[in-house]
Amino acid sequence: MSAVETKLISWEASDGYPFLYRITEPRGDLRGHVVTLHGIQSHSGWYDRSTQSLAEAGYCVHYLDRRGSGLNFRQRGDTPSGQRLLQDVIEYLRELIVSSEPIFLSACSWGGKVAALVAAATPSLAGLILIAPGFFPKVSLPLRQKLAIARSRLFRPTRPFPIPLNDPALFTNQPERQRFIAQDPLALHWATARFFIESVRLDRRVMSEGPTIRIPVLLQLAGHDDIIDAARTWQFVDTWAARDRTVRLYSDGYHTLEFDADPSGFIADQIRWLDGHLPAPA
């Protein structure tokens, strides 16, 4: 397969929010689209290796930086509502659905909440990939901060609060990658009171709507995950209506599997799963 390159595109949501997204297209035949969502602190720039590998395998990767995150600086760390975050992805998918190639949705960490709810509402998707999704976090806000967020909800909804993930060792045990995270100018370290409140509301919806998902699911979990509870996540996904469920546990892996010393196995599993869920040739 020929080398691939990533380009930035501009896209506007129905409420007028201007997005910048990273799109990585294969130079050879297009096999399908993979629309990908990132975590609460990360952004599309963290996942270059897997993006390149998927594109080299024939998939166009659409990495959607969340509004207020990564490349999108307007209303930093904020969202009008949790539903608006879902709508941003759904609207983008609607523009892709005219494509004749299959469309897969992929997400890691916090983005898994949004992806699960979008998948529940979009049965036309070819499949869902969840990488250490943030359904059951081990890291929580301090009680004092939770009370302050509750007080700010009505009168100061855009008051910023720190995201409790500022130790790079939570994501990876690789020193070089830890330095990258610590020095990353696009990483999100603060979010508004409104964002945290909407995040909790999304959590509740995932618990009720997640089990209705029927499309094929690939769940990838890390054996050393200090951010999410892998065991509870596996048990929860096992309750879903989808009969086609594949679970991969990387016993030596850390939360951001992309940053492991050798992520090639985790990426190869994604490509094999995608290839196995392409529609049969006409």
C-alpha atoms as a PDB file:
ATOM      1  CA  MET A   1       0.000   0.000   0.000  1.00  0.00           C
ATOM      2  CA  SER A   2       1.252   3.494  -0.860  1.00  0.00           C
ATOM      3  CA  ALA A   3       2.168   5.987   1.840  1.00  0.00           C
ATOM      4  CA  VAL A   4      -0.696   8.024   3.269  1.00  0.00           C
ATOM      5  CA  GLU A   5      -0.987  11.586   4.483  1.00  0.00           C
ATOM      6  CA  THR A   6      -3.231  13.385   6.916  1.00  0.00           C
ATOM      7  CA  LYS A   7      -5.043  16.595   6.007  1.00  0.00           C
ATOM      8  CA  LEU A   8      -7.114  19.067   7.992  1.00  0.00           C
ATOM      9  CA  ILE A   9     -10.680  19.803   6.907  1.00  0.00           C
ATOM     10  CA  SER A  10     -13.168  22.411   8.065  1.00  0.00           C
ATOM     11  CA  TRP A  11     -16.685  21.297   8.939  1.00  0.00           C
ATOM     12  CA  GLU A  12     -19.612  23.200  10.456  1.00  0.00           C
ATOM     13  CA  ALA A  13     -22.260  21.743  12.760  1.00  0.00           C
ATOM     14  CA  SER A  14     -25.923  22.714  12.448  1.00  0.00           C
ATOM     15  CA  ASP A  15     -25.575  25.195  15.345  1.00  0.00           C
ATOM     16  CA  GLY A  16     -22.773  27.014  13.509  1.00  0.00           C
ATOM     17  CA  TYR A  17     -19.827  25.640  15.489  1.00  0.00           C
ATOM     18  CA  PRO A  18     -16.736  25.552  13.219  1.00  0.00           C
ATOM     19  CA  PHE A  19     -14.685  22.343  13.500  1.00  0.00           C
ATOM     20  CA  LEU A  20     -11.240  21.327  12.350  1.00  0.00           C
ATOM     21  CA  TYR A  21     -10.869  17.590  11.789  1.00  0.00           C
ATOM     22  CA  ARG A  22      -8.009  15.310  10.731  1.00  0.00           C
ATOM     23  CA  ILE A  23      -8.739  13.047   7.757  1.00  0.00           C
ATOM     24  CA  THR A  24      -6.300  10.342   6.670  1.00  0.00           C
ATOM     25  CA  GLU A  25      -7.107   8.709   3.333  1.00  0.00           C
ATOM     26  CA  PRO A  26      -5.563   5.623   1.738  1.00  0.00           C
ATOM     27  CA  ARG A  27      -3.778   6.112  -1.560  1.00  0.00           C
ATOM     28  CA  GLY A  28      -5.054   2.773  -2.853  1.00  0.00           C
ATOM     29  CA  ASP A  29      -8.559   1.305  -2.970  1.00  0.00           C
ATOM     30  CA  LEU A  30     -10.941   2.537  -0.265  1.00  0.00           C
ATOM     31  CA  ARG A  31     -12.352  -0.339   1.804  1.00  0.00           C
ATOM     32  CA  GLY A  32     -14.362   1.646   4.338  1.00  0.00           C
ATOM     33  CA  HIS A  33     -14.567   4.656   6.654  1.00  0.00           C
ATOM     34  CA  VAL A  34     -13.585   4.710  10.330  1.00  0.00           C
ATOM     35  CA  VAL A  35     -14.961   7.695  12.255  1.00  0.00           C
ATOM     36  CA  THR A  36     -13.007   8.016  15.494  1.00  0.00           C
ATOM     37  CA  LEU A  37     -13.535   9.864  18.804  1.00  0.00           C
ATOM     38  CA  HIS A  38     -10.907  10.654  21.447  1.00  0.00           C
ATOM     39  CA  GLY A  39     -10.883  10.875  25.251  1.00  0.00           C
ATOM     40  CA  ILE A  40     -11.616  13.746  27.598  1.00  0.00           C
ATOM     41  CA  GLN A  41      -8.033  15.059  27.649  1.00  0.00           C
ATOM     42  CA  SER A  42      -6.546  13.700  24.436  1.00  0.00           C
ATOM     43  CA  HIS A  43      -7.156  14.621  20.800  1.00  0.00           C
ATOM     44  CA  SER A  44      -6.621  13.225  17.313  1.00  0.00           C
ATOM     45  CA  GLY A  45      -2.904  14.043  17.382  1.00  0.00           C
ATOM     46  CA  TRP A  46      -2.269  11.303  19.984  1.00  0.00           C
ATOM     47  CA  TYR A  47      -3.256   8.463  17.677  1.00  0.00           C
ATOM     48  CA  ASP A  48      -1.126   8.931  14.593  1.00  0.00           C
ATOM     49  CA  ARG A  49       0.305   5.400  14.525  1.00  0.00           C
ATOM     50  CA  SER A  50      -3.004   3.555  14.494  1.00  0.00           C
ATOM     51  CA  THR A  51      -4.501   6.115  12.096  1.00  0.00           C
ATOM     52  CA  GLN A  52      -1.662   5.613   9.629  1.00  0.00           C
ATOM     53  CA  SER A  53      -1.882   1.830   9.922  1.00  0.00           C
ATOM     54  CA  LEU A  54      -5.633   1.796   9.270  1.00  0.00           C
ATOM     55  CA  ALA A  55      -5.202   4.061   6.245  1.00  0.00           C
ATOM     56  CA  GLU A  56      -2.426   1.847   4.892  1.00  0.00           C
ATOM     57  CA  ALA A  57      -4.862  -1.062   5.215  1.00  0.00           C
ATOM     58  CA  GLY A  58      -7.373   0.766   3.010  1.00  0.00           C
ATOM     59  CA  TYR A  59      -9.547   2.640   5.507  1.00  0.00           C
ATOM     60  CA  CYS A  60     -10.249   6.377   5.492  1.00  0.00           C
ATOM     61  CA  VAL A  61      -9.896   7.573   9.092  1.00  0.00           C
ATOM     62  CA  HIS A  62     -11.960  10.591  10.130  1.00  0.00           C
ATOM     63  CA  TYR A  63     -10.625  11.706  13.518  1.00  0.00           C
ATOM     64  CA  LEU A  64     -13.155  14.100  15.052  1.00  0.00           C
ATOM     65  CA  ASP A  65     -11.726  16.416  17.679  1.00  0.00           C
ATOM     66  CA  ARG A  66     -14.578  17.186  20.072  1.00  0.00           C
ATOM     67  CA  ARG A  67     -15.869  20.768  20.193  1.00  0.00           C
ATOM     68  CA  GLY A  68     -13.718  22.737  22.619  1.00  0.00           C
ATOM     69  CA  SER A  69     -10.902  20.155  22.416  1.00  0.00           C
ATOM     70  CA  GLY A  70      -7.760  19.477  20.424  1.00  0.00           C
ATOM     71  CA  LEU A  71      -7.745  21.602  17.286  1.00  0.00           C
ATOM     72  CA  ASN A  72     -11.043  23.282  18.239  1.00  0.00           C
ATOM     73  CA  PHE A  73     -10.370  26.230  20.555  1.00  0.00           C
ATOM     74  CA  ARG A  74     -13.735  27.963  20.477  1.00  0.00           C
ATOM     75  CA  GLN A  75     -15.610  27.476  23.800  1.00  0.00           C
ATOM     76  CA  ARG A  76     -12.652  25.519  25.161  1.00  0.00           C
ATOM     77  CA  GLY A  77     -13.602  22.681  27.505  1.00  0.00           C
ATOM     78  CA  ASP A  78     -17.321  23.404  27.220  1.00  0.00           C
ATOM     79  CA  THR A  79     -20.435  21.996  25.583  1.00  0.00           C
ATOM     80  CA  PRO A  80     -24.000  23.361  25.408  1.00  0.00           C
ATOM     81  CA  SER A  81     -25.265  19.880  26.307  1.00  0.00           C
ATOM     82  CA  GLY A  82     -24.390  16.214  26.138  1.00  0.00           C
ATOM     83  CA  GLN A  83     -26.931  15.779  23.356  1.00  0.00           C
ATOM     84  CA  ARG A  84     -25.073  18.392  21.326  1.00  0.00           C
ATOM     85  CA  LEU A  85     -21.924  16.247  21.497  1.00  0.00           C
ATOM     86  CA  LEU A  86     -23.910  13.309  20.146  1.00  0.00           C
ATOM     87  CA  GLN A  87     -25.485  15.466  17.471  1.00  0.00           C
ATOM     88  CA  ASP A  88     -22.081  16.660  16.239  1.00  0.00           C
ATOM     89  CA  VAL A  89     -21.113  13.057  15.459  1.00  0.00           C
ATOM     90  CA  ILE A  90     -24.517  12.061  14.079  1.00  0.00           C
ATOM     91  CA  GLU A  91     -24.564  15.019  11.684  1.00  0.00           C
ATOM     92  CA  TYR A  92     -21.095  14.177  10.419  1.00  0.00           C
ATOM     93  CA  LEU A  93     -22.097  10.534   9.927  1.00  0.00           C
ATOM     94  CA  ARG A  94     -25.169  11.572   7.944  1.00  0.00           C
ATOM     95  CA  GLU A  95     -22.934  13.248   5.390  1.00  0.00           C
ATOM     96  CA  LEU A  96     -20.853  10.060   5.083  1.00  0.00           C
ATOM     97  CA  ILE A  97     -23.785   7.658   4.792  1.00  0.00           C
ATOM     98  CA  VAL A  98     -24.185   8.588   1.117  1.00  0.00           C
ATOM     99  CA  SER A  99     -20.913   6.700   0.617  1.00  0.00           C
ATOM    100  CA  SER A 100     -21.222   3.156  -0.693  1.00  0.00           C
ATOM    101  CA  GLU A 101     -18.416   1.964   1.612  1.00  0.00           C
ATOM    102  CA  PRO A 102     -19.193   0.676   5.126  1.00  0.00           C
ATOM    103  CA  ILE A 103     -18.854   3.114   8.027  1.00  0.00           C
ATOM    104  CA  PHE A 104     -17.423   2.045  11.379  1.00  0.00           C
ATOM    105  CA  LEU A 105     -17.411   4.118  14.574  1.00  0.00           C
ATOM    106  CA  SER A 106     -14.407   3.913  16.894  1.00  0.00           C
ATOM    107  CA  ALA A 107     -13.668   5.606  20.225  1.00  0.00           C
ATOM    108  CA  CYS A 108     -11.319   5.463  23.173  1.00  0.00           C
ATOM    109  CA  SER A 109     -11.719   6.337  26.844  1.00  0.00           C
ATOM    110  CA  TRP A 110     -14.243   9.152  27.526  1.00  0.00           C
ATOM    111  CA  GLY A 111     -15.221   9.223  23.854  1.00  0.00           C
ATOM    112  CA  GLY A 112     -16.598   5.711  24.266  1.00  0.00           C
ATOM    113  CA  LYS A 113     -19.639   7.161  26.029  1.00  0.00           C
ATOM    114  CA  VAL A 114     -20.520   9.314  23.048  1.00  0.00           C
ATOM    115  CA  ALA A 115     -19.767   6.505  20.596  1.00  0.00           C
ATOM    116  CA  ALA A 116     -21.984   3.999  22.420  1.00  0.00           C
ATOM    117  CA  LEU A 117     -24.951   6.382  22.414  1.00  0.00           C
ATOM    118  CA  VAL A 118     -24.419   7.310  18.762  1.00  0.00           C
ATOM    119  CA  ALA A 119     -24.186   3.609  17.855  1.00  0.00           C
ATOM    120  CA  ALA A 120     -27.436   2.904  19.693  1.00  0.00           C
ATOM    121  CA  ALA A 121     -29.109   5.603  17.582  1.00  0.00           C
ATOM    122  CA  THR A 122     -27.440   4.644  14.274  1.00  0.00           C
ATOM    123  CA  PRO A 123     -28.093   0.968  13.438  1.00  0.00           C
ATOM    124  CA  SER A 124     -26.830   1.499   9.860  1.00  0.00           C
ATOM    125  CA  LEU A 125     -23.213   1.549  11.107  1.00  0.00           C
ATOM    126  CA  ALA A 126     -21.125  -1.470  10.107  1.00  0.00           C
ATOM    127  CA  GLY A 127     -19.607  -1.833  13.579  1.00  0.00           C
ATOM    128  CA  LEU A 128     -18.317  -0.221  16.758  1.00  0.00           C
ATOM    129  CA  ILE A 129     -14.765  -0.317  18.164  1.00  0.00           C
ATOM    130  CA  LEU A 130     -14.353   0.642  21.836  1.00  0.00           C
ATOM    131  CA  ILE A 131     -10.838   1.067  23.225  1.00  0.00           C
ATOM    132  CA  ALA A 132     -10.807   1.197  27.035  1.00  0.00           C
ATOM    133  CA  PRO A 133     -14.132   3.093  27.015  1.00  0.00           C
ATOM    134  CA  GLY A 134     -14.850   5.313  29.999  1.00  0.00           C
ATOM    135  CA  PHE A 135     -18.045   3.681  31.243  1.00  0.00           C
ATOM    136  CA  PHE A 136     -16.689   2.912  34.728  1.00  0.00           C
ATOM    137  CA  PRO A 137     -13.920   5.347  35.671  1.00  0.00           C
ATOM    138  CA  LYS A 138     -11.526   4.608  38.503  1.00  0.00           C
ATOM    139  CA  VAL A 139     -10.521   8.281  38.743  1.00  0.00           C
ATOM    140  CA  SER A 140     -13.116  10.641  40.182  1.00  0.00           C
ATOM    141  CA  LEU A 141     -13.404  14.314  41.021  1.00  0.00           C
ATOM    142  CA  PRO A 142     -12.757  15.221  44.664  1.00  0.00           C
ATOM    143  CA  LEU A 143     -15.935  15.740  46.700  1.00  0.00           C
ATOM    144  CA  ARG A 144     -15.103  19.414  47.219  1.00  0.00           C
ATOM    145  CA  GLN A 145     -14.887  19.910  43.465  1.00  0.00           C
ATOM    146  CA  LYS A 146     -18.138  18.038  42.856  1.00  0.00           C
ATOM    147  CA  LEU A 147     -19.923  20.353  45.295  1.00  0.00           C
ATOM    148  CA  ALA A 148     -18.413  23.425  43.632  1.00  0.00           C
ATOM    149  CA  ILE A 149     -19.554  22.166  40.208  1.00  0.00           C
ATOM    150  CA  ALA A 150     -23.068  21.625  41.554  1.00  0.00           C
ATOM    151  CA  ARG A 151     -23.130  25.186  42.926  1.00  0.00           C
ATOM    152  CA  SER A 152     -21.838  26.590  39.623  1.00  0.00           C
ATOM    153  CA  ARG A 153     -24.410  24.745  37.560  1.00  0.00           C
ATOM    154  CA  LEU A 154     -27.033  27.483  37.524  1.00  0.00           C
ATOM    155  CA  PHE A 155     -25.113  30.734  37.882  1.00  0.00           C
ATOM    156  CA  ARG A 156     -21.607  30.003  36.514  1.00  0.00           C
ATOM    157  CA  PRO A 157     -21.983  27.031  34.146  1.00  0.00           C
ATOM    158  CA  THR A 158     -18.802  27.902  32.234  1.00  0.00           C
ATOM    159  CA  ARG A 159     -16.611  28.096  35.346  1.00  0.00           C
ATOM    160  CA  PRO A 160     -13.556  25.904  34.648  1.00  0.00           C
ATOM    161  CA  PHE A 161     -12.475  22.989  36.824  1.00  0.00           C
ATOM    162  CA  PRO A 162      -9.391  20.760  36.468  1.00  0.00           C
ATOM    163  CA  ILE A 163      -9.751  17.359  34.824  1.00  0.00           C
ATOM    164  CA  PRO A 164      -8.391  14.808  37.364  1.00  0.00           C
ATOM    165  CA  LEU A 165      -6.057  13.125  34.846  1.00  0.00           C
ATOM    166  CA  ASN A 166      -3.016  15.386  34.896  1.00  0.00           C
ATOM    167  CA  ASP A 167      -0.552  12.609  35.795  1.00  0.00           C
ATOM    168  CA  PRO A 168       0.759  11.213  32.462  1.00  0.00           C
ATOM    169  CA  ALA A 169       1.610   7.930  34.212  1.00  0.00           C
ATOM    170  CA  LEU A 170      -2.136   7.214  34.304  1.00  0.00           C
ATOM    171  CA  PHE A 171      -2.084   6.833  30.511  1.00  0.00           C
ATOM    172  CA  THR A 172       1.166   4.988  29.833  1.00  0.00           C
ATOM    173  CA  ASN A 173       4.320   3.604  31.440  1.00  0.00           C
ATOM    174  CA  GLN A 174       6.525   4.786  28.567  1.00  0.00           C
ATOM    175  CA  PRO A 175       8.700   7.787  29.680  1.00  0.00           C
ATOM    176  CA  GLU A 176       8.888   9.271  26.177  1.00  0.00           C
ATOM    177  CA  ARG A 177       5.115   9.199  25.830  1.00  0.00           C
ATOM    178  CA  GLN A 178       4.660  10.604  29.327  1.00  0.00           C
ATOM    179  CA  ARG A 179       6.804  13.582  28.332  1.00  0.00           C
ATOM    180  CA  PHE A 180       4.733  14.017  25.184  1.00  0.00           C
ATOM    181  CA  ILE A 181       1.511  14.134  27.219  1.00  0.00           C
ATOM    182  CA  ALA A 182       2.977  16.557  29.781  1.00  0.00           C
ATOM    183  CA  GLN A 183       4.172  18.964  27.068  1.00  0.00           C
ATOM    184  CA  ASP A 184       1.239  18.655  24.671  1.00  0.00           C
ATOM    185  CA  PRO A 185      -0.176  22.151  23.999  1.00  0.00           C
ATOM    186  CA  LEU A 186      -3.438  20.752  22.582  1.00  0.00           C
ATOM    187  CA  ALA A 187      -4.310  18.503  25.539  1.00  0.00           C
ATOM    188  CA  LEU A 188      -7.339  19.576  27.580  1.00  0.00           C
ATOM    189  CA  HIS A 189      -6.649  20.049  31.295  1.00  0.00           C
ATOM    190  CA  TRP A 190      -9.757  22.017  32.301  1.00  0.00           C
ATOM    191  CA  ALA A 191     -13.465  21.642  31.566  1.00  0.00           C
ATOM    192  CA  THR A 192     -16.482  23.688  32.540  1.00  0.00           C
ATOM    193  CA  ALA A 193     -18.987  22.876  35.257  1.00  0.00           C
ATOM    194  CA  ARG A 194     -21.561  22.353  32.527  1.00  0.00           C
ATOM    195  CA  PHE A 195     -19.324  19.847  30.731  1.00  0.00           C
ATOM    196  CA  PHE A 196     -18.852  17.755  33.885  1.00  0.00           C
ATOM    197  CA  ILE A 197     -22.596  17.788  34.593  1.00  0.00           C
ATOM    198  CA  GLU A 198     -23.411  16.743  31.034  1.00  0.00           C
ATOM    199  CA  SER A 199     -20.799  13.986  31.277  1.00  0.00           C
ATOM    200  CA  VAL A 200     -22.667  12.489  34.245  1.00  0.00           C
ATOM    201  CA  ARG A 201     -25.904  12.640  32.286  1.00  0.00           C
ATOM    202  CA  LEU A 202     -24.252  10.782  29.421  1.00  0.00           C
ATOM    203  CA  ASP A 203     -23.105   8.134  31.912  1.00  0.00           C
ATOM    204  CA  ARG A 204     -26.702   7.509  32.933  1.00  0.00           C
ATOM    205  CA  ARG A 205     -27.843   7.257  29.334  1.00  0.00           C
ATOM    206  CA  VAL A 206     -25.092   4.756  28.495  1.00  0.00           C
ATOM    207  CA  MET A 207     -26.278   2.467  31.288  1.00  0.00           C
ATOM    208  CA  SER A 208     -29.804   2.381  29.846  1.00  0.00           C
ATOM    209  CA  GLU A 209     -29.162   2.687  26.087  1.00  0.00           C
ATOM    210  CA  GLY A 210     -25.871   0.807  25.735  1.00  0.00           C
ATOM    211  CA  PRO A 211     -27.495  -2.637  26.149  1.00  0.00           C
ATOM    212  CA  THR A 212     -29.735  -1.900  23.123  1.00  0.00           C
ATOM    213  CA  ILE A 213     -26.741  -1.804  20.737  1.00  0.00           C
ATOM    214  CA  ARG A 214     -27.079  -4.529  18.105  1.00  0.00           C
ATOM    215  CA  ILE A 215     -24.281  -3.771  15.639  1.00  0.00           C
ATOM    216  CA  PRO A 216     -20.989  -5.756  15.826  1.00  0.00           C
ATOM    217  CA  VAL A 217     -18.689  -4.624  18.661  1.00  0.00           C
ATOM    218  CA  LEU A 218     -14.941  -4.924  19.210  1.00  0.00           C
ATOM    219  CA  LEU A 219     -13.922  -4.151  22.805  1.00  0.00           C
ATOM    220  CA  GLN A 220     -10.196  -3.646  23.500  1.00  0.00           C
ATOM    221  CA  LEU A 221      -9.069  -3.460  27.126  1.00  0.00           C
ATOM    222  CA  ALA A 222      -5.755  -2.929  28.933  1.00  0.00           C
ATOM    223  CA  GLY A 223      -4.561  -5.187  31.721  1.00  0.00           C
ATOM    224  CA  HIS A 224      -2.955  -2.273  33.606  1.00  0.00           C
ATOM    225  CA  ASP A 225      -5.605   0.412  33.421  1.00  0.00           C
ATOM    226  CA  ASP A 226      -5.603   3.042  36.186  1.00  0.00           C
ATOM    227  CA  ILE A 227      -8.294   5.155  34.509  1.00  0.00           C
ATOM    228  CA  ILE A 228     -11.165   2.748  33.806  1.00  0.00           C
ATOM    229  CA  ASP A 229     -12.365  -0.491  35.381  1.00  0.00           C
ATOM    230  CA  ALA A 230     -11.735  -3.061  32.643  1.00  0.00           C
ATOM    231  CA  ALA A 231     -13.510  -5.937  34.388  1.00  0.00           C
ATOM    232  CA  ARG A 232     -16.752  -4.008  34.935  1.00  0.00           C
ATOM    233  CA  THR A 233     -16.594  -2.705  31.363  1.00  0.00           C
ATOM    234  CA  TRP A 234     -16.315  -6.242  29.983  1.00  0.00           C
ATOM    235  CA  GLN A 235     -19.222  -7.423  32.130  1.00  0.00           C
ATOM    236  CA  PHE A 236     -21.362  -4.485  31.007  1.00  0.00           C
ATOM    237  CA  VAL A 237     -20.707  -4.993  27.279  1.00  0.00           C
ATOM    238  CA  ASP A 238     -21.599  -8.656  27.754  1.00  0.00           C
ATOM    239  CA  THR A 239     -25.167  -7.513  28.532  1.00  0.00           C
ATOM    240  CA  TRP A 240     -25.587  -5.799  25.158  1.00  0.00           C
ATOM    241  CA  ALA A 241     -28.012  -7.057  22.539  1.00  0.00           C
ATOM    242  CA  ALA A 242     -25.230  -7.372  19.937  1.00  0.00           C
ATOM    243  CA  ARG A 243     -24.584 -11.054  19.290  1.00  0.00           C
ATOM    244  CA  ASP A 244     -21.368 -10.260  17.418  1.00  0.00           C
ATOM    245  CA  ARG A 245     -19.095  -9.178  20.286  1.00  0.00           C
ATOM    246  CA  THR A 246     -15.319  -9.571  20.294  1.00  0.00           C
ATOM    247  CA  VAL A 247     -13.213  -8.779  23.380  1.00  0.00           C
ATOM    248  CA  ARG A 248      -9.426  -8.439  23.396  1.00  0.00           C
ATOM    249  CA  LEU A 249      -7.526  -7.981  26.661  1.00  0.00           C
ATOM    250  CA  TYR A 250      -3.896  -6.834  26.407  1.00  0.00           C
ATOM    251  CA  SER A 251      -2.548  -8.046  29.729  1.00  0.00           C
ATOM    252  CA  ASP A 252       0.639  -5.949  29.549  1.00  0.00           C
ATOM    253  CA  GLY A 253      -1.101  -2.869  28.139  1.00  0.00           C
ATOM    254  CA  TYR A 254      -1.860   0.483  29.761  1.00  0.00           C
ATOM    255  CA  HIS A 255      -4.888   2.729  29.299  1.00  0.00           C
ATOM    256  CA  THR A 256      -3.687   4.423  26.113  1.00  0.00           C
ATOM    257  CA  LEU A 257      -2.805   1.261  24.199  1.00  0.00           C
ATOM    258  CA  GLU A 258      -1.520   3.456  21.375  1.00  0.00           C
ATOM    259  CA  PHE A 259       1.354   4.512  23.658  1.00  0.00           C
ATOM    260  CA  ASP A 260       2.461   1.013  24.672  1.00  0.00           C
ATOM    261  CA  ALA A 261       6.014  -0.020  23.876  1.00  0.00           C
ATOM    262  CA  ASP A 262       4.686  -2.157  21.021  1.00  0.00           C
ATOM    263  CA  PRO A 263       1.100  -1.343  19.997  1.00  0.00           C
ATOM    264  CA  SER A 264       1.318  -3.337  16.767  1.00  0.00           C
ATOM    265  CA  GLY A 265      -0.768  -6.246  18.098  1.00  0.00           C
ATOM    266  CA  PHE A 266      -3.578  -3.966  19.280  1.00  0.00           C
ATOM    267  CA  ILE A 267      -3.631  -2.214  15.883  1.00  0.00           C
ATOM    268  CA  ALA A 268      -3.443  -5.472  13.922  1.00  0.00           C
ATOM    269  CA  ASP A 269      -6.453  -6.780  15.863  1.00  0.00           C
ATOM    270  CA  GLN A 270      -8.435  -3.710  14.795  1.00  0.00           C
ATOM    271  CA  ILE A 271      -7.540  -4.207  11.133  1.00  0.00           C
ATOM    272  CA  ARG A 272      -8.383  -7.930  11.208  1.00  0.00           C
ATOM    273  CA  TRP A 273     -11.723  -7.168  12.864  1.00  0.00           C
ATOM    274  CA  LEU A 274     -12.548  -4.436  10.325  1.00  0.00           C
ATOM    275  CA  ASP A 275     -11.593  -6.699   7.426  1.00  0.00           C
ATOM    276  CA  GLY A 276     -13.802  -9.420   8.862  1.00  0.00           C
ATOM    277  CA  HIS A 277     -16.811  -7.119   9.007  1.00  0.00           C
ATOM    278  CA  LEU A 278     -16.724  -5.768   5.478  1.00  0.00           C
ATOM    279  CA  PRO A 279     -19.766  -6.683   3.390  1.00  0.00           C
ATOM    280  CA  ALA A 280     -19.368  -9.575   0.985  1.00  0.00           C
ATOM    281  CA  PRO A 281     -18.541  -8.527  -2.603  1.00  0.00           C
ATOM    282  CA  ALA A 282     -21.581  -8.174  -4.822  1.00  0.00           C
END
